[in-house]
Amino acid sequence: MTTRTALLSALILYGLPLWRLRYRWRATVYRMDHWRVNAMPWFGHDFLALFTNRYFENATERRMVRNYRLYLLGYLGLFVWFAAAG
């Protein structure tokens, strides 16, 4: 197995929880609990919420935001590593 294949497998496996995390993220940002929140193309609030705590009211939400940001940072790191391995 090549390094690139291993990294692609790691990206896929690491990306599986993203669907659930993204739902929790968007449900918190938009204050909506319906499944459609993942399908709606609202990106302005999402982008702003990545860099501010404007949309998060309590410690539980802020903890979720911190975990989501760390997850995305790890995903970005894996993606950069995958791109550099090519």
Protein backbone atom coordinates (compact mmCIF):
# COMPACT_ATOMS: atom_id res chain seq x y z
CA MET A 1 0.00 0.00 0.00
CA THR A 2 1.41 3.35 -0.99
CA THR A 3 1.51 6.40 1.25
CA ARG A 4 -1.04 8.18 -0.91
CA THR A 5 -3.50 5.26 -0.69
CA ALA A 6 -3.06 5.09 3.09
CA LEU A 7 -3.66 8.83 3.41
CA LEU A 8 -6.76 8.62 1.21
CA SER A 9 -8.10 5.84 3.43
CA ALA A 10 -7.33 7.94 6.51
CA LEU A 11 -9.13 10.94 4.98
CA ILE A 12 -12.23 8.86 4.27
CA LEU A 13 -12.31 7.29 7.73
CA TYR A 14 -11.58 10.59 9.47
CA GLY A 15 -14.31 12.26 7.41
CA LEU A 16 -17.11 9.92 8.44
CA PRO A 17 -18.03 11.77 11.67
CA LEU A 18 -18.14 15.05 9.74
CA TRP A 19 -21.80 14.57 8.80
CA ARG A 20 -22.91 14.36 12.42
CA LEU A 21 -20.61 17.16 13.58
CA ARG A 22 -21.74 19.40 10.74
CA TYR A 23 -25.38 18.81 11.65
CA ARG A 24 -24.73 19.78 15.28
CA TRP A 25 -22.72 22.80 14.15
CA ARG A 26 -25.36 24.11 11.76
CA ALA A 27 -28.24 23.31 14.14
CA THR A 28 -26.52 25.45 16.76
CA VAL A 29 -25.61 28.30 14.42
CA TYR A 30 -29.05 28.55 12.81
CA ARG A 31 -31.08 27.48 15.89
CA MET A 32 -32.94 24.84 13.87
CA ASP A 33 -33.32 21.15 14.79
CA HIS A 34 -34.74 19.92 11.50
CA TRP A 35 -32.67 17.63 9.25
CA ARG A 36 -32.97 20.15 6.42
CA VAL A 37 -30.45 22.41 8.14
CA ASN A 38 -27.67 20.35 6.52
CA ALA A 39 -29.11 20.75 3.03
CA MET A 40 -29.75 24.49 3.08
CA PRO A 41 -27.06 26.59 1.40
CA TRP A 42 -26.47 29.25 4.06
CA PHE A 43 -22.77 29.80 4.30
CA GLY A 44 -22.39 33.34 5.62
CA HIS A 45 -23.25 32.49 9.20
CA ASP A 46 -21.22 29.27 9.05
CA PHE A 47 -18.10 31.10 7.94
CA LEU A 48 -18.53 33.87 10.51
CA ALA A 49 -19.17 31.33 13.27
CA LEU A 50 -15.88 29.57 12.51
CA PHE A 51 -13.92 32.63 13.61
CA THR A 52 -16.16 34.16 16.30
CA ASN A 53 -18.26 33.01 19.23
CA ARG A 54 -21.14 35.25 18.20
CA TYR A 55 -23.70 32.45 17.72
CA PHE A 56 -22.91 30.36 20.80
CA GLU A 57 -24.57 31.12 24.09
CA ASN A 58 -23.45 28.65 26.74
CA ALA A 59 -20.46 26.55 27.74
CA THR A 60 -21.80 23.37 26.11
CA GLU A 61 -22.16 25.09 22.75
CA ARG A 62 -18.70 26.65 23.03
CA ARG A 63 -17.20 23.24 23.83
CA MET A 64 -18.91 21.79 20.75
CA VAL A 65 -17.53 24.67 18.66
CA ARG A 66 -14.02 24.13 19.95
CA ASN A 67 -14.23 20.42 19.13
CA TYR A 68 -15.59 21.16 15.65
CA ARG A 69 -12.81 23.64 14.95
CA LEU A 70 -10.16 21.16 16.12
CA TYR A 71 -11.73 18.45 13.98
CA LEU A 72 -11.65 20.70 10.91
CA LEU A 73 -8.03 21.60 11.63
CA GLY A 74 -7.11 17.92 11.76
CA TYR A 75 -9.03 17.31 8.53
CA LEU A 76 -7.21 20.18 6.86
CA GLY A 77 -3.88 18.79 8.06
CA LEU A 78 -4.65 15.37 6.61
CA PHE A 79 -5.77 16.93 3.34
CA VAL A 80 -2.58 19.00 3.05
CA TRP A 81 -0.49 15.93 3.81
CA PHE A 82 -2.40 13.98 1.15
CA ALA A 83 -1.91 16.76 -1.41
CA ALA A 84 1.82 17.01 -0.62
CA ALA A 85 2.29 13.25 -0.94
CA GLY A 86 1.21 13.34 -4.60
